[in-house]
Amino acid sequence: MHKVVGVVFNENNNIYYFEPGDLKLSKGQKVIVETERGLQYGSIKIGPYQEKDENLMLPLKKVVRISNQEDDLQHKKNVKEEQKALKSIIELAKQMNLNMHFINASFTHNRSQLLFKFVADERVDFRELAKKLAQVYKTRIELRQIGVRDKAKEVGGIGPCGRFLCCNSFLREFTSVSINMAKNQYLALNPTKINGLCGRLLCCLNYEDETYTELKKGMPEIGYVVKTPQGNGKVIAINLFKKTYQVELSDNEIIEVLAK
């Protein structure tokens, strides 16, 4: 078990877990935390509690301190400057004819780095763009190309189920999703039904795939010819939850058969 706190860095972001140390922390407090990028300003979403080690990516980074007035003012300044930087880089990219769709800009808390995330159809040579930005902001510039699934994770939205996107709510890592999962669950292979807002296959196809695979054991496939007490016939429909399937006999009679 590990004592942790859950921290968010903006209203539409995932929860990241940090080690609170000896600090007395509670939900809603603003804190400065150590991350791979450097110091970051965040808000405690989940108060200190004990979490199983297997649910964490150890070792955890630490909460450095509870934010003070100076930290709060610096954060407000950073947020304002990030918006200006985003407008600036969009204009610069247009001037340089770079096909880049920028998602956001973010400073580390002490402004040691300015990160821009963008989506592009192909790889982009942005070295000259980074040099110009470094001259303006006098800090280390990082431009990170992300995929459409990562964009959905960053931006958020409402899925076809009516809930907030899984990737933006609780999924920490993307898992592989294949069209075979949709076929395995007898879903209509209509892109508008099985694709998410990102245009890729729904992450939730992964959730029940194992259950469907288990339920299909001992069941014939649709189109198979099977032997029944009434004679041979073709399987035309399957009900996995009732463990039954419908068979069309040679005289066009349809019967329901219970799987063994």
Protein backbone atom coordinates (compact mmCIF):
# COMPACT_ATOMS: atom_id res chain seq x y z
CA MET A 1 0.00 0.00 0.00
CA HIS A 2 1.08 3.55 -0.73
CA LYS A 3 -0.19 6.84 0.67
CA VAL A 4 -1.17 9.06 -2.28
CA VAL A 5 -3.09 12.15 -3.33
CA GLY A 6 -4.81 12.63 -6.69
CA VAL A 7 -3.93 15.89 -8.44
CA VAL A 8 -5.41 17.55 -11.55
CA PHE A 9 -3.77 20.28 -13.56
CA ASN A 10 -6.91 21.70 -15.16
CA GLU A 11 -10.66 21.11 -15.08
CA ASN A 12 -10.69 18.65 -18.00
CA ASN A 13 -7.64 16.58 -17.20
CA ASN A 14 -6.88 13.19 -15.76
CA ILE A 15 -6.00 12.58 -12.15
CA TYR A 16 -2.31 12.00 -11.46
CA TYR A 17 -1.04 10.49 -8.23
CA PHE A 18 1.69 11.91 -6.03
CA GLU A 19 3.31 11.13 -2.72
CA PRO A 20 2.16 13.63 -0.06
CA GLY A 21 5.06 13.03 2.33
CA ASP A 22 4.50 14.71 5.70
CA LEU A 23 2.31 17.48 4.30
CA LYS A 24 -1.23 17.78 5.72
CA LEU A 25 -3.29 17.87 2.55
CA SER A 26 -7.01 17.85 1.76
CA LYS A 27 -9.28 17.95 -1.27
CA GLY A 28 -9.37 21.30 -3.06
CA GLN A 29 -5.98 22.54 -1.90
CA LYS A 30 -3.61 24.03 -4.48
CA VAL A 31 -0.19 22.42 -4.49
CA ILE A 32 3.16 22.51 -6.27
CA VAL A 33 4.21 19.05 -7.44
CA GLU A 34 7.28 17.56 -9.03
CA THR A 35 6.73 16.14 -12.53
CA GLU A 36 8.91 14.90 -15.39
CA ARG A 37 8.65 18.37 -16.97
CA GLY A 38 9.52 20.19 -13.75
CA LEU A 39 7.45 21.90 -11.06
CA GLN A 40 3.72 22.14 -11.81
CA TYR A 41 0.78 23.89 -10.16
CA GLY A 42 -2.23 21.66 -9.49
CA SER A 43 -5.29 21.06 -7.36
CA ILE A 44 -5.94 18.08 -5.09
CA LYS A 45 -8.90 16.14 -6.45
CA ILE A 46 -8.64 13.16 -4.09
CA GLY A 47 -7.41 13.59 -0.52
CA PRO A 48 -4.70 11.38 1.01
CA TYR A 49 -5.58 7.69 1.07
CA GLN A 50 -3.91 4.27 0.86
CA GLU A 51 -3.68 2.76 -2.65
CA LYS A 52 -2.43 -0.68 -3.71
CA ASP A 53 1.02 -0.65 -5.26
CA GLU A 54 -0.16 -2.59 -8.35
CA ASN A 55 -2.54 0.28 -9.21
CA LEU A 56 0.27 2.85 -9.26
CA MET A 57 3.19 3.63 -11.53
CA LEU A 58 6.00 3.58 -8.98
CA PRO A 59 8.11 5.40 -7.95
CA LEU A 60 5.76 8.34 -7.44
CA LYS A 61 6.79 11.97 -7.74
CA LYS A 62 6.25 14.14 -4.66
CA VAL A 63 4.09 17.04 -3.62
CA VAL A 64 6.70 19.73 -3.03
CA ARG A 65 4.59 22.20 -1.05
CA ILE A 66 1.15 23.70 -0.53
CA SER A 67 0.89 26.70 -2.84
CA ASN A 68 1.35 30.15 -1.34
CA GLN A 69 0.16 33.56 -2.54
CA GLU A 70 3.21 33.97 -4.76
CA ASP A 71 2.53 30.58 -6.38
CA ASP A 72 -1.12 31.51 -7.02
CA LEU A 73 -0.14 34.79 -8.68
CA GLN A 74 2.49 33.05 -10.78
CA HIS A 75 -0.05 30.46 -11.94
CA LYS A 76 -2.54 33.16 -13.00
CA LYS A 77 0.23 34.91 -14.92
CA ASN A 78 1.23 31.65 -16.61
CA VAL A 79 -2.33 30.88 -17.70
CA LYS A 80 -2.68 34.34 -19.25
CA GLU A 81 0.69 34.03 -21.01
CA GLU A 82 -0.17 30.53 -22.29
CA GLN A 83 -3.17 31.91 -24.18
CA LYS A 84 -1.01 34.61 -25.75
CA ALA A 85 1.65 32.04 -26.67
CA LEU A 86 -0.96 29.81 -28.31
CA LYS A 87 -2.23 32.66 -30.49
CA SER A 88 1.35 33.60 -31.33
CA ILE A 89 2.41 30.14 -32.46
CA ILE A 90 -0.72 29.68 -34.58
CA GLU A 91 0.10 32.90 -36.42
CA LEU A 92 3.79 31.99 -36.81
CA ALA A 93 2.94 28.53 -38.16
CA LYS A 94 0.62 30.11 -40.76
CA GLN A 95 3.35 32.52 -41.84
CA MET A 96 5.76 29.58 -42.26
CA ASN A 97 3.15 27.47 -44.11
CA LEU A 98 3.32 24.71 -41.51
CA ASN A 99 0.25 22.45 -41.44
CA MET A 100 -0.10 22.16 -37.65
CA HIS A 101 -3.27 22.25 -35.55
CA PHE A 102 -2.30 23.42 -32.06
CA ILE A 103 -4.22 22.07 -29.07
CA ASN A 104 -2.73 23.98 -26.14
CA ALA A 105 0.30 25.67 -24.64
CA SER A 106 1.56 25.19 -21.09
CA PHE A 107 4.35 26.62 -18.99
CA THR A 108 5.97 24.76 -16.15
CA HIS A 109 5.30 26.61 -12.91
CA ASN A 110 8.74 28.28 -12.84
CA ARG A 111 8.58 28.91 -16.62
CA SER A 112 11.62 26.72 -17.29
CA GLN A 113 9.77 25.14 -20.23
CA LEU A 114 6.97 26.06 -22.63
CA LEU A 115 5.22 23.06 -24.18
CA PHE A 116 2.99 23.18 -27.26
CA LYS A 117 0.91 20.17 -28.30
CA PHE A 118 -0.31 19.86 -31.87
CA VAL A 119 -1.93 17.49 -34.34
CA ALA A 120 -0.68 17.10 -37.92
CA ASP A 121 -1.38 14.71 -40.78
CA GLU A 122 2.33 13.99 -41.22
CA ARG A 123 5.67 14.69 -39.58
CA VAL A 124 6.54 18.40 -39.48
CA ASP A 125 9.98 20.03 -39.44
CA PHE A 126 9.38 22.68 -36.78
CA ARG A 127 13.00 23.43 -35.83
CA GLU A 128 12.94 26.96 -37.23
CA LEU A 129 9.62 27.63 -35.51
CA ALA A 130 11.05 26.47 -32.17
CA LYS A 131 14.06 28.79 -32.59
CA LYS A 132 11.83 31.81 -33.16
CA LEU A 133 9.72 30.97 -30.12
CA ALA A 134 12.81 30.53 -27.93
CA GLN A 135 13.99 34.03 -28.93
CA VAL A 136 10.64 35.47 -27.87
CA TYR A 137 10.04 33.60 -24.59
CA LYS A 138 13.66 33.06 -23.47
CA THR A 139 12.92 29.55 -22.23
CA ARG A 140 13.16 25.95 -23.40
CA ILE A 141 10.57 25.25 -26.09
CA GLU A 142 9.08 21.82 -26.72
CA LEU A 143 6.67 21.06 -29.57
CA ARG A 144 4.99 17.68 -29.20
CA GLN A 145 3.02 16.06 -32.00
CA ILE A 146 0.13 13.98 -30.65
CA GLY A 147 -2.40 11.67 -32.28
CA VAL A 148 -6.14 12.16 -32.59
CA ARG A 149 -6.79 9.90 -29.60
CA ASP A 150 -4.40 12.01 -27.51
CA LYS A 151 -6.20 15.13 -28.73
CA ALA A 152 -9.51 13.75 -27.43
CA LYS A 153 -7.80 12.95 -24.13
CA GLU A 154 -6.56 16.55 -23.88
CA VAL A 155 -9.70 18.35 -25.06
CA GLY A 156 -12.41 16.07 -23.64
CA GLY A 157 -16.07 15.90 -24.67
CA ILE A 158 -19.22 13.80 -24.40
CA GLY A 159 -19.23 10.30 -25.90
CA PRO A 160 -22.13 8.61 -27.71
CA CYS A 161 -23.08 7.02 -24.38
CA GLY A 162 -23.80 10.47 -22.94
CA ARG A 163 -20.91 10.35 -20.47
CA PHE A 164 -17.59 12.21 -20.43
CA LEU A 165 -14.93 10.55 -22.58
CA CYS A 166 -13.20 7.65 -20.82
CA CYS A 167 -9.77 8.82 -22.01
CA ASN A 168 -10.38 12.23 -20.46
CA SER A 169 -11.95 10.88 -17.26
CA PHE A 170 -10.09 7.85 -15.97
CA LEU A 171 -8.09 5.97 -18.63
CA ARG A 172 -4.41 6.57 -17.96
CA GLU A 173 -3.15 4.65 -21.00
CA PHE A 174 -4.64 3.73 -24.37
CA THR A 175 -5.08 0.03 -25.10
CA SER A 176 -5.23 -1.61 -28.49
CA VAL A 177 -8.73 -1.78 -29.99
CA SER A 178 -9.47 -3.79 -33.16
CA ILE A 179 -12.39 -4.17 -35.54
CA ASN A 180 -12.52 -7.84 -34.50
CA MET A 181 -13.79 -6.72 -31.10
CA ALA A 182 -16.82 -5.10 -32.75
CA LYS A 183 -17.40 -8.26 -34.79
CA ASN A 184 -17.03 -10.39 -31.67
CA GLN A 185 -19.84 -8.39 -30.02
CA TYR A 186 -22.12 -8.60 -33.09
CA LEU A 187 -22.08 -4.83 -33.55
CA ALA A 188 -23.00 -3.22 -36.85
CA LEU A 189 -19.75 -2.17 -38.53
CA ASN A 190 -20.99 1.37 -39.02
CA PRO A 191 -18.24 3.96 -38.34
CA THR A 192 -20.77 6.38 -36.84
CA LYS A 193 -21.70 3.71 -34.26
CA ILE A 194 -18.35 2.16 -33.37
CA ASN A 195 -16.02 5.17 -33.68
CA GLY A 196 -15.50 7.75 -30.95
CA LEU A 197 -15.13 11.53 -31.22
CA CYS A 198 -11.50 11.02 -32.17
CA GLY A 199 -12.53 9.07 -35.28
CA ARG A 200 -10.91 5.89 -33.98
CA LEU A 201 -12.62 2.76 -32.65
CA LEU A 202 -14.33 3.25 -29.27
CA CYS A 203 -12.06 2.41 -26.33
CA CYS A 204 -15.05 0.81 -24.59
CA LEU A 205 -15.11 -2.01 -27.16
CA ASN A 206 -12.33 -3.42 -25.02
CA TYR A 207 -14.37 -3.52 -21.82
CA GLU A 208 -16.73 -6.41 -22.65
CA ASP A 209 -14.74 -8.23 -25.31
CA GLU A 210 -13.47 -10.87 -22.90
CA THR A 211 -17.02 -11.51 -21.62
CA TYR A 212 -18.36 -11.98 -25.14
CA THR A 213 -15.50 -14.36 -25.98
CA GLU A 214 -16.36 -16.43 -22.91
CA LEU A 215 -20.11 -16.45 -23.68
CA LYS A 216 -19.49 -17.63 -27.25
CA LYS A 217 -17.81 -20.83 -26.10
CA GLY A 218 -19.90 -23.79 -27.23
CA MET A 219 -22.04 -21.61 -29.49
CA PRO A 220 -22.10 -22.08 -33.29
CA GLU A 221 -21.35 -19.21 -35.64
CA ILE A 222 -24.10 -17.55 -37.68
CA GLY A 223 -24.29 -19.27 -41.08
CA TYR A 224 -23.11 -22.66 -39.80
CA VAL A 225 -25.16 -25.75 -40.64
CA VAL A 226 -26.02 -27.68 -37.48
CA LYS A 227 -27.86 -30.87 -36.61
CA THR A 228 -31.05 -30.60 -34.52
CA PRO A 229 -33.71 -33.14 -33.42
CA GLN A 230 -35.93 -31.70 -36.19
CA GLY A 231 -33.20 -32.07 -38.82
CA ASN A 232 -30.29 -30.09 -40.21
CA GLY A 233 -30.54 -26.33 -40.55
CA LYS A 234 -28.60 -23.08 -40.78
CA VAL A 235 -27.93 -20.85 -37.76
CA ILE A 236 -29.50 -17.44 -38.45
CA ALA A 237 -29.36 -15.71 -35.04
CA ILE A 238 -27.65 -16.08 -31.67
CA ASN A 239 -28.62 -14.92 -28.17
CA LEU A 240 -25.47 -15.18 -26.09
CA PHE A 241 -27.15 -14.20 -22.83
CA LYS A 242 -29.90 -16.83 -23.10
CA LYS A 243 -27.33 -19.29 -24.57
CA THR A 244 -29.73 -20.07 -27.41
CA TYR A 245 -29.58 -19.83 -31.20
CA GLN A 246 -32.17 -19.86 -33.97
CA VAL A 247 -31.97 -22.42 -36.76
CA GLU A 248 -33.76 -22.26 -40.12
CA LEU A 249 -34.68 -25.76 -41.27
CA SER A 250 -34.92 -26.92 -44.88
CA ASP A 251 -38.71 -26.36 -44.87
CA ASN A 252 -38.12 -22.71 -43.76
CA GLU A 253 -39.33 -23.47 -40.25
CA ILE A 254 -37.38 -21.53 -37.60
CA ILE A 255 -36.66 -23.18 -34.27
CA GLU A 256 -34.80 -22.08 -31.16
CA VAL A 257 -32.11 -24.38 -29.80
CA LEU A 258 -30.52 -24.29 -26.34
CA ALA A 259 -26.74 -24.55 -26.50
CA LYS A 260 -25.15 -27.47 -24.70
